[in-house]
Amino acid sequence: MLIKGGVIWLKYFTSINSSPPIYNFIAGILNDRFKVTITNDQNQEIEVELELLKNRKDGLKVCIEHKVNLAEFWGSHGDKKKYFILIV
């Protein structure tokens, strides 16, 4: 998954099991913000809020109050770590 400038780009999401594609979920969101729990491949987790990008459906923005904590949680781009996102 790529996070750049506080944006999580949905084209990098892979659904697990029989979960519908993330785009289907995003299309059904009524609120602009929602909570997610992110777990890395060492079973560490963090809960943050994401919000929809204005006039776009291909990315989610990390809410400003969660940017610092999430930046410390993410590995560097290209480190091949896997993250699992549970939408609350």
PDB file of N, CA and C in Angstrom:
ATOM      1  N   MET A   1       0.844  -1.162   0.000  1.00  0.00           N
ATOM      2  CA  MET A   1       0.000   0.000   0.000  1.00  0.00           C
ATOM      3  C   MET A   1       0.891   1.226   0.000  1.00  0.00           C
ATOM      4  N   LEU A   2       0.487   2.243  -0.705  1.00  0.00           N
ATOM      5  CA  LEU A   2       1.280   3.459  -0.786  1.00  0.00           C
ATOM      6  C   LEU A   2       0.572   4.575  -0.053  1.00  0.00           C
ATOM      7  N   ILE A   3       1.294   5.207   0.846  1.00  0.00           N
ATOM      8  CA  ILE A   3       0.777   6.415   1.486  1.00  0.00           C
ATOM      9  C   ILE A   3       1.740   7.535   1.141  1.00  0.00           C
ATOM     10  N   LYS A   4       1.225   8.564   0.544  1.00  0.00           N
ATOM     11  CA  LYS A   4       2.075   9.666   0.110  1.00  0.00           C
ATOM     12  C   LYS A   4       1.351  10.960   0.407  1.00  0.00           C
ATOM     13  N   GLY A   5       1.975  11.807   1.189  1.00  0.00           N
ATOM     14  CA  GLY A   5       1.351  13.072   1.534  1.00  0.00           C
ATOM     15  C   GLY A   5       0.085  12.893   2.345  1.00  0.00           C
ATOM     16  N   GLY A   6      -0.001  11.822   3.131  1.00  0.00           N
ATOM     17  CA  GLY A   6      -1.167  11.580   3.960  1.00  0.00           C
ATOM     18  C   GLY A   6      -2.338  10.971   3.213  1.00  0.00           C
ATOM     19  N   VAL A   7      -2.116  10.484   1.979  1.00  0.00           N
ATOM     20  CA  VAL A   7      -3.189   9.874   1.195  1.00  0.00           C
ATOM     21  C   VAL A   7      -2.898   8.389   1.016  1.00  0.00           C
ATOM     22  N   ILE A   8      -3.902   7.563   1.261  1.00  0.00           N
ATOM     23  CA  ILE A   8      -3.807   6.128   1.008  1.00  0.00           C
ATOM     24  C   ILE A   8      -4.515   5.881  -0.317  1.00  0.00           C
ATOM     25  N   TRP A   9      -3.769   5.407  -1.310  1.00  0.00           N
ATOM     26  CA  TRP A   9      -4.333   5.195  -2.643  1.00  0.00           C
ATOM     27  C   TRP A   9      -4.964   3.815  -2.722  1.00  0.00           C
ATOM     28  N   LEU A  10      -6.229   3.777  -3.090  1.00  0.00           N
ATOM     29  CA  LEU A  10      -7.021   2.549  -3.050  1.00  0.00           C
ATOM     30  C   LEU A  10      -6.616   1.524  -4.095  1.00  0.00           C
ATOM     31  N   LYS A  11      -5.923   1.926  -5.133  1.00  0.00           N
ATOM     32  CA  LYS A  11      -5.524   0.955  -6.159  1.00  0.00           C
ATOM     33  C   LYS A  11      -4.552  -0.081  -5.606  1.00  0.00           C
ATOM     34  N   TYR A  12      -3.974   0.180  -4.448  1.00  0.00           N
ATOM     35  CA  TYR A  12      -3.043  -0.768  -3.847  1.00  0.00           C
ATOM     36  C   TYR A  12      -3.721  -1.731  -2.870  1.00  0.00           C
ATOM     37  N   PHE A  13      -5.031  -1.594  -2.648  1.00  0.00           N
ATOM     38  CA  PHE A  13      -5.759  -2.465  -1.734  1.00  0.00           C
ATOM     39  C   PHE A  13      -6.013  -3.821  -2.384  1.00  0.00           C
ATOM     40  N   THR A  14      -5.884  -4.875  -1.626  1.00  0.00           N
ATOM     41  CA  THR A  14      -6.243  -6.215  -2.053  1.00  0.00           C
ATOM     42  C   THR A  14      -7.237  -6.762  -1.044  1.00  0.00           C
ATOM     43  N   SER A  15      -8.425  -7.115  -1.482  1.00  0.00           N
ATOM     44  CA  SER A  15      -9.424  -7.690  -0.580  1.00  0.00           C
ATOM     45  C   SER A  15      -9.005  -9.092  -0.175  1.00  0.00           C
ATOM     46  N   ILE A  16      -9.365  -9.476   1.042  1.00  0.00           N
ATOM     47  CA  ILE A  16      -9.066 -10.834   1.488  1.00  0.00           C
ATOM     48  C   ILE A  16     -10.358 -11.632   1.584  1.00  0.00           C
ATOM     49  N   ASN A  17     -10.228 -12.919   1.397  1.00  0.00           N
ATOM     50  CA  ASN A  17     -11.364 -13.845   1.414  1.00  0.00           C
ATOM     51  C   ASN A  17     -12.426 -13.383   0.431  1.00  0.00           C
ATOM     52  N   SER A  18     -13.645 -13.262   0.895  1.00  0.00           N
ATOM     53  CA  SER A  18     -14.733 -12.892  -0.006  1.00  0.00           C
ATOM     54  C   SER A  18     -15.166 -11.436   0.186  1.00  0.00           C
ATOM     55  N   SER A  19     -14.285 -10.612   0.727  1.00  0.00           N
ATOM     56  CA  SER A  19     -14.612  -9.198   0.930  1.00  0.00           C
ATOM     57  C   SER A  19     -14.819  -8.512  -0.415  1.00  0.00           C
ATOM     58  N   PRO A  20     -15.798  -7.607  -0.478  1.00  0.00           N
ATOM     59  CA  PRO A  20     -15.995  -6.870  -1.732  1.00  0.00           C
ATOM     60  C   PRO A  20     -14.846  -5.892  -1.955  1.00  0.00           C
ATOM     61  N   PRO A  21     -14.653  -5.452  -3.178  1.00  0.00           N
ATOM     62  CA  PRO A  21     -13.605  -4.465  -3.448  1.00  0.00           C
ATOM     63  C   PRO A  21     -13.808  -3.196  -2.616  1.00  0.00           C
ATOM     64  N   ILE A  22     -12.725  -2.567  -2.233  1.00  0.00           N
ATOM     65  CA  ILE A  22     -12.788  -1.369  -1.389  1.00  0.00           C
ATOM     66  C   ILE A  22     -13.607  -0.266  -2.050  1.00  0.00           C
ATOM     67  N   TYR A  23     -13.588  -0.188  -3.370  1.00  0.00           N
ATOM     68  CA  TYR A  23     -14.364   0.853  -4.056  1.00  0.00           C
ATOM     69  C   TYR A  23     -15.859   0.707  -3.774  1.00  0.00           C
ATOM     70  N   ASN A  24     -16.339  -0.528  -3.633  1.00  0.00           N
ATOM     71  CA  ASN A  24     -17.758  -0.737  -3.318  1.00  0.00           C
ATOM     72  C   ASN A  24     -18.090  -0.177  -1.942  1.00  0.00           C
ATOM     73  N   PHE A  25     -17.182  -0.361  -1.007  1.00  0.00           N
ATOM     74  CA  PHE A  25     -17.412   0.163   0.335  1.00  0.00           C
ATOM     75  C   PHE A  25     -17.403   1.681   0.322  1.00  0.00           C
ATOM     76  N   ILE A  26     -16.426   2.256  -0.336  1.00  0.00           N
ATOM     77  CA  ILE A  26     -16.293   3.710  -0.372  1.00  0.00           C
ATOM     78  C   ILE A  26     -17.536   4.350  -0.985  1.00  0.00           C
ATOM     79  N   ALA A  27     -18.075   3.740  -2.007  1.00  0.00           N
ATOM     80  CA  ALA A  27     -19.268   4.289  -2.654  1.00  0.00           C
ATOM     81  C   ALA A  27     -20.458   4.333  -1.704  1.00  0.00           C
ATOM     82  N   GLY A  28     -20.482   3.461  -0.690  1.00  0.00           N
ATOM     83  CA  GLY A  28     -21.602   3.402   0.239  1.00  0.00           C
ATOM     84  C   GLY A  28     -21.431   4.222   1.501  1.00  0.00           C
ATOM     85  N   ILE A  29     -20.333   4.944   1.639  1.00  0.00           N
ATOM     86  CA  ILE A  29     -20.094   5.729   2.859  1.00  0.00           C
ATOM     87  C   ILE A  29     -20.968   6.978   2.860  1.00  0.00           C
ATOM     88  N   LEU A  30     -21.660   7.169   3.967  1.00  0.00           N
ATOM     89  CA  LEU A  30     -22.514   8.344   4.105  1.00  0.00           C
ATOM     90  C   LEU A  30     -21.771   9.500   4.762  1.00  0.00           C
ATOM     91  N   ASN A  31     -20.875   9.187   5.681  1.00  0.00           N
ATOM     92  CA  ASN A  31     -20.092  10.215   6.352  1.00  0.00           C
ATOM     93  C   ASN A  31     -18.777  10.402   5.609  1.00  0.00           C
ATOM     94  N   ASP A  32     -18.178  11.546   5.777  1.00  0.00           N
ATOM     95  CA  ASP A  32     -16.893  11.799   5.137  1.00  0.00           C
ATOM     96  C   ASP A  32     -15.738  11.123   5.859  1.00  0.00           C
ATOM     97  N   ARG A  33     -15.932  10.804   7.149  1.00  0.00           N
ATOM     98  CA  ARG A  33     -14.853  10.228   7.961  1.00  0.00           C
ATOM     99  C   ARG A  33     -15.285   8.885   8.531  1.00  0.00           C
ATOM    100  N   PHE A  34     -14.292   7.995   8.699  1.00  0.00           N
ATOM    101  CA  PHE A  34     -14.571   6.715   9.339  1.00  0.00           C
ATOM    102  C   PHE A  34     -13.296   6.178   9.972  1.00  0.00           C
ATOM    103  N   LYS A  35     -13.463   5.316  10.965  1.00  0.00           N
ATOM    104  CA  LYS A  35     -12.332   4.749  11.691  1.00  0.00           C
ATOM    105  C   LYS A  35     -11.888   3.438  11.060  1.00  0.00           C
ATOM    106  N   VAL A  36     -10.576   3.221  11.093  1.00  0.00           N
ATOM    107  CA  VAL A  36     -10.020   1.959  10.652  1.00  0.00           C
ATOM    108  C   VAL A  36      -8.978   1.512  11.676  1.00  0.00           C
ATOM    109  N   THR A  37      -8.795   0.200  11.763  1.00  0.00           N
ATOM    110  CA  THR A  37      -7.713  -0.364  12.550  1.00  0.00           C
ATOM    111  C   THR A  37      -6.717  -0.946  11.571  1.00  0.00           C
ATOM    112  N   ILE A  38      -5.469  -0.547  11.696  1.00  0.00           N
ATOM    113  CA  ILE A  38      -4.418  -1.009  10.795  1.00  0.00           C
ATOM    114  C   ILE A  38      -3.470  -1.903  11.592  1.00  0.00           C
ATOM    115  N   THR A  39      -3.235  -3.104  11.078  1.00  0.00           N
ATOM    116  CA  THR A  39      -2.327  -4.060  11.718  1.00  0.00           C
ATOM    117  C   THR A  39      -1.191  -4.348  10.756  1.00  0.00           C
ATOM    118  N   ASN A  40       0.036  -4.347  11.274  1.00  0.00           N
ATOM    119  CA  ASN A  40       1.167  -4.665  10.405  1.00  0.00           C
ATOM    120  C   ASN A  40       1.538  -6.139  10.539  1.00  0.00           C
ATOM    121  N   ASP A  41       2.553  -6.558   9.812  1.00  0.00           N
ATOM    122  CA  ASP A  41       2.904  -7.975   9.802  1.00  0.00           C
ATOM    123  C   ASP A  41       3.629  -8.433  11.071  1.00  0.00           C
ATOM    124  N   GLN A  42       3.826  -7.525  12.043  1.00  0.00           N
ATOM    125  CA  GLN A  42       4.334  -7.916  13.359  1.00  0.00           C
ATOM    126  C   GLN A  42       3.222  -7.874  14.407  1.00  0.00           C
ATOM    127  N   ASN A  43       1.973  -7.818  13.957  1.00  0.00           N
ATOM    128  CA  ASN A  43       0.779  -7.776  14.805  1.00  0.00           C
ATOM    129  C   ASN A  43       0.695  -6.540  15.689  1.00  0.00           C
ATOM    130  N   GLN A  44       1.342  -5.471  15.292  1.00  0.00           N
ATOM    131  CA  GLN A  44       1.160  -4.197  15.968  1.00  0.00           C
ATOM    132  C   GLN A  44      -0.017  -3.515  15.292  1.00  0.00           C
ATOM    133  N   GLU A  45      -0.800  -2.773  16.067  1.00  0.00           N
ATOM    134  CA  GLU A  45      -1.947  -2.116  15.435  1.00  0.00           C
ATOM    135  C   GLU A  45      -2.114  -0.692  15.924  1.00  0.00           C
ATOM    136  N   ILE A  46      -2.843   0.062  15.110  1.00  0.00           N
ATOM    137  CA  ILE A  46      -3.142   1.452  15.402  1.00  0.00           C
ATOM    138  C   ILE A  46      -4.541   1.733  14.868  1.00  0.00           C
ATOM    139  N   GLU A  47      -5.276   2.576  15.573  1.00  0.00           N
ATOM    140  CA  GLU A  47      -6.595   2.986  15.090  1.00  0.00           C
ATOM    141  C   GLU A  47      -6.507   4.444  14.681  1.00  0.00           C
ATOM    142  N   VAL A  48      -6.959   4.734  13.466  1.00  0.00           N
ATOM    143  CA  VAL A  48      -6.927   6.096  12.949  1.00  0.00           C
ATOM    144  C   VAL A  48      -8.234   6.396  12.230  1.00  0.00           C
ATOM    145  N   GLU A  49      -8.437   7.663  11.938  1.00  0.00           N
ATOM    146  CA  GLU A  49      -9.585   8.069  11.133  1.00  0.00           C
ATOM    147  C   GLU A  49      -9.106   8.495   9.756  1.00  0.00           C
ATOM    148  N   LEU A  50      -9.854   8.072   8.769  1.00  0.00           N
ATOM    149  CA  LEU A  50      -9.596   8.460   7.385  1.00  0.00           C
ATOM    150  C   LEU A  50     -10.795   9.259   6.890  1.00  0.00           C
ATOM    151  N   GLU A  51     -10.572  10.060   5.897  1.00  0.00           N
ATOM    152  CA  GLU A  51     -11.685  10.788   5.286  1.00  0.00           C
ATOM    153  C   GLU A  51     -11.576  10.694   3.771  1.00  0.00           C
ATOM    154  N   LEU A  52     -12.714  10.816   3.134  1.00  0.00           N
ATOM    155  CA  LEU A  52     -12.753  10.748   1.682  1.00  0.00           C
ATOM    156  C   LEU A  52     -12.091  11.977   1.079  1.00  0.00           C
ATOM    157  N   LEU A  53     -11.406  11.786  -0.022  1.00  0.00           N
ATOM    158  CA  LEU A  53     -10.866  12.926  -0.757  1.00  0.00           C
ATOM    159  C   LEU A  53     -12.020  13.639  -1.449  1.00  0.00           C
ATOM    160  N   LYS A  54     -11.947  14.925  -1.499  1.00  0.00           N
ATOM    161  CA  LYS A  54     -13.004  15.680  -2.166  1.00  0.00           C
ATOM    162  C   LYS A  54     -12.924  15.460  -3.679  1.00  0.00           C
ATOM    163  N   ASN A  55     -14.057  15.163  -4.273  1.00  0.00           N
ATOM    164  CA  ASN A  55     -14.191  14.989  -5.725  1.00  0.00           C
ATOM    165  C   ASN A  55     -13.346  13.852  -6.306  1.00  0.00           C
ATOM    166  N   ARG A  56     -12.962  12.875  -5.467  1.00  0.00           N
ATOM    167  CA  ARG A  56     -12.191  11.720  -5.958  1.00  0.00           C
ATOM    168  C   ARG A  56     -12.685  10.477  -5.243  1.00  0.00           C
ATOM    169  N   LYS A  57     -12.503   9.340  -5.890  1.00  0.00           N
ATOM    170  CA  LYS A  57     -12.917   8.076  -5.286  1.00  0.00           C
ATOM    171  C   LYS A  57     -11.765   7.084  -5.225  1.00  0.00           C
ATOM    172  N   ASP A  58     -10.551   7.547  -5.507  1.00  0.00           N
ATOM    173  CA  ASP A  58      -9.430   6.615  -5.559  1.00  0.00           C
ATOM    174  C   ASP A  58      -8.442   6.770  -4.411  1.00  0.00           C
ATOM    175  N   GLY A  59      -8.800   7.578  -3.409  1.00  0.00           N
ATOM    176  CA  GLY A  59      -7.896   7.754  -2.281  1.00  0.00           C
ATOM    177  C   GLY A  59      -8.613   8.178  -1.024  1.00  0.00           C
ATOM    178  N   LEU A  60      -7.957   7.924   0.093  1.00  0.00           N
ATOM    179  CA  LEU A  60      -8.452   8.322   1.398  1.00  0.00           C
ATOM    180  C   LEU A  60      -7.380   9.165   2.065  1.00  0.00           C
ATOM    181  N   LYS A  61      -7.805  10.200   2.755  1.00  0.00           N
ATOM    182  CA  LYS A  61      -6.859  11.083   3.415  1.00  0.00           C
ATOM    183  C   LYS A  61      -6.842  10.772   4.907  1.00  0.00           C
ATOM    184  N   VAL A  62      -5.647  10.732   5.476  1.00  0.00           N
ATOM    185  CA  VAL A  62      -5.499  10.542   6.911  1.00  0.00           C
ATOM    186  C   VAL A  62      -5.889  11.847   7.595  1.00  0.00           C
ATOM    187  N   CYS A  63      -6.788  11.771   8.579  1.00  0.00           N
ATOM    188  CA  CYS A  63      -7.215  12.978   9.285  1.00  0.00           C
ATOM    189  C   CYS A  63      -6.012  13.598  10.000  1.00  0.00           C
ATOM    190  N   ILE A  64      -5.971  14.898  10.008  1.00  0.00           N
ATOM    191  CA  ILE A  64      -4.812  15.648  10.477  1.00  0.00           C
ATOM    192  C   ILE A  64      -4.372  15.233  11.883  1.00  0.00           C
ATOM    193  N   GLU A  65      -5.305  14.942  12.761  1.00  0.00           N
ATOM    194  CA  GLU A  65      -4.947  14.599  14.143  1.00  0.00           C
ATOM    195  C   GLU A  65      -4.306  13.217  14.268  1.00  0.00           C
ATOM    196  N   HIS A  66      -4.328  12.422  13.203  1.00  0.00           N
ATOM    197  CA  HIS A  66      -3.742  11.080  13.229  1.00  0.00           C
ATOM    198  C   HIS A  66      -2.459  10.970  12.404  1.00  0.00           C
ATOM    199  N   LYS A  67      -2.088  12.031  11.697  1.00  0.00           N
ATOM    200  CA  LYS A  67      -0.948  11.953  10.781  1.00  0.00           C
ATOM    201  C   LYS A  67       0.364  11.597  11.473  1.00  0.00           C
ATOM    202  N   VAL A  68       0.657  12.212  12.609  1.00  0.00           N
ATOM    203  CA  VAL A  68       1.931  11.969  13.282  1.00  0.00           C
ATOM    204  C   VAL A  68       2.022  10.523  13.753  1.00  0.00           C
ATOM    205  N   ASN A  69       0.959  10.027  14.418  1.00  0.00           N
ATOM    206  CA  ASN A  69       0.977   8.646  14.907  1.00  0.00           C
ATOM    207  C   ASN A  69       1.085   7.644  13.764  1.00  0.00           C
ATOM    208  N   LEU A  70       0.372   7.887  12.684  1.00  0.00           N
ATOM    209  CA  LEU A  70       0.411   6.962  11.560  1.00  0.00           C
ATOM    210  C   LEU A  70       1.770   7.003  10.863  1.00  0.00           C
ATOM    211  N   ALA A  71       2.364   8.167  10.764  1.00  0.00           N
ATOM    212  CA  ALA A  71       3.686   8.286  10.142  1.00  0.00           C
ATOM    213  C   ALA A  71       4.722   7.476  10.911  1.00  0.00           C
ATOM    214  N   GLU A  72       4.591   7.423  12.246  1.00  0.00           N
ATOM    215  CA  GLU A  72       5.511   6.628  13.064  1.00  0.00           C
ATOM    216  C   GLU A  72       5.246   5.132  12.908  1.00  0.00           C
ATOM    217  N   PHE A  73       4.020   4.764  12.604  1.00  0.00           N
ATOM    218  CA  PHE A  73       3.617   3.362  12.483  1.00  0.00           C
ATOM    219  C   PHE A  73       4.028   2.748  11.150  1.00  0.00           C
ATOM    220  N   TRP A  74       3.862   3.512  10.051  1.00  0.00           N
ATOM    221  CA  TRP A  74       4.177   3.019   8.712  1.00  0.00           C
ATOM    222  C   TRP A  74       5.657   2.768   8.583  1.00  0.00           C
ATOM    223  N   GLY A  75       6.005   1.771   7.810  1.00  0.00           N
ATOM    224  CA  GLY A  75       7.398   1.571   7.413  1.00  0.00           C
ATOM    225  C   GLY A  75       7.710   2.498   6.253  1.00  0.00           C
ATOM    226  N   SER A  76       8.913   2.439   5.771  1.00  0.00           N
ATOM    227  CA  SER A  76       9.273   3.267   4.622  1.00  0.00           C
ATOM    228  C   SER A  76       8.744   2.620   3.345  1.00  0.00           C
ATOM    229  N   HIS A  77       8.519   3.407   2.329  1.00  0.00           N
ATOM    230  CA  HIS A  77       8.003   2.897   1.063  1.00  0.00           C
ATOM    231  C   HIS A  77       9.019   1.912   0.474  1.00  0.00           C
ATOM    232  N   GLY A  78       8.548   0.784   0.046  1.00  0.00           N
ATOM    233  CA  GLY A  78       9.423  -0.196  -0.565  1.00  0.00           C
ATOM    234  C   GLY A  78       9.995  -1.221   0.395  1.00  0.00           C
ATOM    235  N   ASP A  79       9.590  -1.176   1.669  1.00  0.00           N
ATOM    236  CA  ASP A  79      10.150  -2.127   2.631  1.00  0.00           C
ATOM    237  C   ASP A  79       9.430  -3.479   2.620  1.00  0.00           C
ATOM    238  N   LYS A  80       8.431  -3.615   1.752  1.00  0.00           N
ATOM    239  CA  LYS A  80       7.698  -4.876   1.543  1.00  0.00           C
ATOM    240  C   LYS A  80       6.889  -5.332   2.745  1.00  0.00           C
ATOM    241  N   LYS A  81       6.592  -4.430   3.683  1.00  0.00           N
ATOM    242  CA  LYS A  81       5.745  -4.793   4.813  1.00  0.00           C
ATOM    243  C   LYS A  81       4.299  -4.847   4.349  1.00  0.00           C
ATOM    244  N   LYS A  82       3.532  -5.713   4.994  1.00  0.00           N
ATOM    245  CA  LYS A  82       2.116  -5.825   4.677  1.00  0.00           C
ATOM    246  C   LYS A  82       1.301  -5.217   5.819  1.00  0.00           C
ATOM    247  N   TYR A  83       0.226  -4.573   5.443  1.00  0.00           N
ATOM    248  CA  TYR A  83      -0.675  -3.966   6.415  1.00  0.00           C
ATOM    249  C   TYR A  83      -2.084  -4.459   6.135  1.00  0.00           C
ATOM    250  N   PHE A  84      -2.819  -4.733   7.185  1.00  0.00           N
ATOM    251  CA  PHE A  84      -4.200  -5.159   7.092  1.00  0.00           C
ATOM    252  C   PHE A  84      -5.059  -4.060   7.681  1.00  0.00           C
ATOM    253  N   ILE A  85      -6.066  -3.641   6.932  1.00  0.00           N
ATOM    254  CA  ILE A  85      -6.927  -2.545   7.382  1.00  0.00           C
ATOM    255  C   ILE A  85      -8.321  -3.098   7.608  1.00  0.00           C
ATOM    256  N   LEU A  86      -8.790  -2.937   8.839  1.00  0.00           N
ATOM    257  CA  LEU A  86     -10.140  -3.336   9.225  1.00  0.00           C
ATOM    258  C   LEU A  86     -10.965  -2.062   9.340  1.00  0.00           C
ATOM    259  N   ILE A  87     -11.998  -1.993   8.555  1.00  0.00           N
ATOM    260  CA  ILE A  87     -12.860  -0.819   8.589  1.00  0.00           C
ATOM    261  C   ILE A  87     -13.881  -1.014   9.691  1.00  0.00           C
ATOM    262  N   VAL A  88     -13.877  -0.098  10.659  1.00  0.00           N
ATOM    263  CA  VAL A  88     -14.726  -0.213  11.848  1.00  0.00           C
ATOM    264  C   VAL A  88     -16.119   0.299  11.543  1.00  0.00           C
TER     265      VAL A  88
END
